[in-house]
Protein backbone atom coordinates (compact mmCIF):
# COMPACT_ATOMS: atom_id res chain seq x y z
CA MET A 1 92.24 119.75 118.34
CA LYS A 2 89.62 119.11 120.99
CA VAL A 3 86.30 120.95 120.95
CA ILE A 4 84.24 121.04 124.13
CA HIS A 5 80.67 122.31 123.90
CA LEU A 6 80.12 124.05 127.24
CA LYS A 7 76.64 124.10 128.77
CA THR A 8 75.29 127.64 129.06
CA ASN A 9 72.73 128.87 131.59
CA PRO A 10 69.46 126.96 130.98
CA ARG A 11 67.47 129.79 132.59
CA LEU A 12 68.66 132.39 130.09
CA TYR A 13 68.57 132.68 126.32
CA ALA A 14 72.18 131.98 125.41
CA GLY A 15 74.31 131.13 122.41
CA ASN A 16 76.59 128.12 122.36
CA ALA A 17 80.03 128.41 123.94
CA TYR A 18 82.92 126.24 122.77
CA MET A 19 86.31 125.58 124.32
CA ILE A 20 89.13 124.79 121.88
CA LEU A 21 92.07 122.86 123.29
CA GLY A 22 95.05 121.13 121.76
CA ALA A 23 94.85 117.37 121.30
CA TRP A 24 97.59 116.86 123.90
CA ASN A 25 97.18 120.02 126.06
CA THR A 26 100.79 121.07 125.48
CA LEU A 27 102.21 124.32 126.85
CA LYS A 28 102.24 125.95 123.40
CA ASP A 29 98.53 125.32 122.80
CA ILE A 30 96.29 128.39 123.04
CA ASN A 31 93.25 127.42 125.11
CA THR A 32 90.46 129.41 123.48
CA LEU A 33 86.86 130.14 124.30
CA ILE A 34 84.55 130.88 121.36
CA ASP A 35 81.63 132.94 122.71
CA THR A 36 80.57 132.96 126.35
CA GLY A 37 76.81 132.63 126.56
CA SER A 38 74.73 135.25 128.38
CA ASP A 39 76.51 135.24 131.76
CA GLY A 40 79.39 133.62 133.64
CA TYR A 41 77.57 130.29 133.99
CA ILE A 42 80.23 128.37 132.03
CA ILE A 43 83.01 129.21 134.51
CA ASN A 44 82.19 126.13 136.59
CA GLU A 45 82.53 123.91 133.51
CA ILE A 46 85.81 125.58 132.55
CA GLU A 47 87.10 124.95 136.08
CA ASN A 48 86.20 121.26 135.80
CA THR A 49 87.82 120.73 132.38
CA HIS A 50 91.35 119.34 132.16
CA THR A 51 93.16 122.02 130.15
CA GLY A 52 96.78 120.99 130.67
CA VAL A 53 99.23 120.93 133.56
CA GLY A 54 100.83 124.30 134.31
CA LYS A 55 98.61 126.10 131.80
CA ASN A 56 96.04 128.83 132.04
CA ARG A 57 92.57 127.35 131.69
CA ILE A 58 91.72 130.00 129.10
CA ASN A 59 94.25 132.05 127.10
CA GLN A 60 91.84 134.05 124.93
CA ILE A 61 88.18 134.61 124.12
CA VAL A 62 87.11 135.01 120.50
CA VAL A 63 83.56 136.27 119.95
CA THR A 64 81.60 135.59 116.77
CA HIS A 65 79.57 138.82 117.14
CA SER A 66 78.60 141.28 119.83
CA HIS A 67 75.03 140.22 120.65
CA PHE A 68 74.34 139.73 124.36
CA ASP A 69 73.61 136.01 124.17
CA HIS A 70 77.17 135.49 122.89
CA ILE A 71 79.15 138.05 124.93
CA GLY A 72 77.14 138.42 128.15
CA GLY A 73 79.70 136.36 130.07
CA VAL A 74 82.77 138.12 128.69
CA MET A 75 83.44 140.36 131.70
CA ALA A 76 82.98 137.60 134.30
CA ILE A 77 85.32 135.27 132.40
CA LYS A 78 87.80 138.04 131.61
CA GLU A 79 87.97 139.02 135.30
CA LYS A 80 88.35 135.39 136.42
CA TYR A 81 91.11 134.45 133.96
CA GLY A 82 92.65 137.80 132.90
CA VAL A 83 92.39 136.95 129.22
CA GLU A 84 92.37 138.99 126.02
CA VAL A 85 89.05 139.29 124.16
CA LEU A 86 89.20 139.32 120.35
CA SER A 87 86.26 140.59 118.30
CA PHE A 88 85.45 142.09 114.92
CA SER A 89 83.93 145.24 116.46
CA LYS A 90 84.61 147.14 119.65
CA PHE A 91 82.36 146.58 122.65
CA HIS A 92 82.84 146.90 126.42
CA GLY A 93 85.37 144.22 127.27
CA SER A 94 86.93 143.66 123.86
CA ASP A 95 90.69 144.17 123.66
CA ARG A 96 91.74 143.55 120.07
CA LEU A 97 89.94 143.86 116.78
CA LEU A 98 90.12 141.03 114.28
CA GLU A 99 90.41 141.44 110.52
CA ASP A 100 88.82 139.47 107.72
CA GLY A 101 91.29 136.80 106.59
CA GLU A 102 93.40 137.00 109.75
CA GLU A 103 94.92 133.73 110.98
CA LEU A 104 94.56 132.82 114.67
CA ARG A 105 96.01 129.98 116.68
CA MET A 106 93.35 128.28 118.80
CA GLY A 107 94.23 125.13 120.67
CA ASP A 108 96.90 123.48 118.52
CA SER A 109 95.44 124.56 115.17
CA MET A 110 95.25 127.59 112.93
CA PHE A 111 91.91 129.22 112.16
CA ARG A 112 90.97 131.85 109.58
CA VAL A 113 88.65 134.73 110.47
CA ILE A 114 85.91 135.12 107.85
CA HIS A 115 83.81 138.28 108.07
CA THR A 116 80.19 137.28 107.38
CA PRO A 117 78.03 140.41 107.83
CA ALA A 118 74.53 138.99 107.60
CA HIS A 119 73.10 138.37 111.07
CA SER A 120 75.00 141.43 112.29
CA SER A 121 77.57 143.77 110.77
CA ASP A 122 80.31 142.32 113.00
CA SER A 123 79.54 138.60 112.51
CA ILE A 124 82.46 136.31 111.80
CA CYS A 125 82.96 132.61 111.16
CA LEU A 126 86.10 130.79 112.26
CA TYR A 127 87.47 128.15 109.89
CA CYS A 128 90.07 125.46 110.57
CA GLU A 129 91.19 123.97 107.27
CA LYS A 130 93.20 121.18 108.93
CA HIS A 131 90.13 119.78 110.70
CA ARG A 132 87.58 121.01 108.11
CA ALA A 133 85.69 122.69 110.96
CA LEU A 134 83.61 125.87 110.80
CA PHE A 135 82.32 127.85 113.77
CA THR A 136 79.48 129.97 112.41
CA GLY A 137 78.12 131.98 115.34
CA ASP A 138 74.71 133.18 114.16
CA THR A 139 75.54 133.21 110.46
CA ALA A 140 72.65 131.18 109.01
CA ILE A 141 73.88 128.48 106.65
CA ARG A 142 70.72 126.36 106.35
CA ILE A 143 68.22 128.13 104.09
CA PHE A 144 65.02 126.41 102.97
CA VAL A 145 63.11 129.07 100.99
CA ASN A 146 63.86 132.28 99.15
CA ASP A 147 61.62 134.92 100.68
CA ASN A 148 63.67 137.71 99.02
CA SER A 149 64.93 138.88 102.41
CA TYR A 150 68.57 137.96 101.90
CA SER A 151 70.88 140.94 101.79
CA PRO A 152 73.77 141.14 99.32
CA ASP A 153 76.07 140.82 102.36
CA HIS A 154 74.44 137.53 103.37
CA ILE A 155 74.71 136.14 99.85
CA ALA A 156 78.36 137.24 99.63
CA SER A 157 79.03 135.59 103.00
CA MET A 158 77.50 132.33 101.81
CA GLU A 159 79.58 132.50 98.62
CA LYS A 160 82.72 132.69 100.78
CA LEU A 161 81.60 129.75 102.92
CA SER A 162 80.63 127.65 99.89
CA LYS A 163 84.29 127.61 98.79
CA LEU A 164 85.46 125.94 102.00
CA LYS A 165 86.03 122.24 102.62
CA VAL A 166 83.84 121.62 105.69
CA ASP A 167 82.93 118.41 107.49
CA THR A 168 81.68 119.87 110.78
CA VAL A 169 79.76 123.06 111.63
CA TYR A 170 79.64 124.35 115.19
CA PRO A 171 76.72 126.81 115.20
CA GLY A 172 75.94 129.61 117.62
CA HIS A 173 72.64 127.91 118.47
CA GLY A 174 71.50 124.32 118.11
CA ASP A 175 73.37 121.11 117.52
CA VAL A 176 76.68 120.46 115.81
CA MET A 177 76.23 119.56 112.13
CA THR A 178 78.25 116.68 110.65
CA GLU A 179 76.22 115.37 107.71
CA ASP A 180 76.28 116.79 104.16
CA VAL A 181 77.53 120.15 105.41
CA GLU A 182 79.02 121.33 102.11
CA LYS A 183 75.83 120.32 100.28
CA ILE A 184 73.71 122.21 102.82
CA ILE A 185 75.77 125.36 102.25
CA SER A 186 75.75 125.07 98.44
CA ASP A 187 72.00 124.27 98.35
CA SER A 188 71.30 127.24 100.62
CA LEU A 189 73.30 129.56 98.40
CA ARG A 190 71.42 128.33 95.32
CA ILE A 191 68.08 128.98 97.08
CA MET A 192 69.18 132.45 98.19
CA LYS A 193 70.17 133.38 94.63
CA SER A 194 67.02 131.98 92.99
CA ASN A 195 64.34 134.36 91.58
C-alpha cells in the first residue's frame, strides 16, 4: 500500500486528502481518494501522480464525513474521473452508502469501515489491519482533559478504536501520527471516562 498526502488549497480551510494506491500499481488495485478538501485543487496533484499504466487515476472516493472541508471537491473530481463516491450518509454527489463493519478494497489492501459518530453523526474511520493504519477524518483521538463534554457516542467510538492494533494515524487535519499511537488512544479514552 502507498499513501500519498495530497496538498489541498492553501487559500481555503480544507481537510487532508489522501490517495491510496497499491504498492505495485497493478491493474487489480483500486486507486482510492479519501476525502477531497474544499474544492478541486488536488486534481493537478492527482494528474501528476503515477497511478499505474492503463489504469484510471482514481477508481473511487471514500469520504470520512460530509462536512464541506472534506467533500467540497467531490463534484469536480467526480466529473473529471467519473468515479463512485462512497459515504456513510447521503449528500449531493454520494453514490453508495457505507455500513459500519463493511470491508472495502483500497489500493491493494482491505479496509474496515468503523462508524465513529462523535464529530458528526456520519463520521467514519477507515482501518487497514494489514498495515496497522487508521484514517480518522475528524474523529478526535488525542484528548488531554476531561471537560465533561464527551458524548456517549464519542466514548463508544474511542472504545472501538482502542481495540485496534495501530501504528500510523492519518488524520483529517494536521500531521500523520506514528509515535505511541495506541497509547495516545488508550490514554485519551481513560481521560474521557474519568470523573
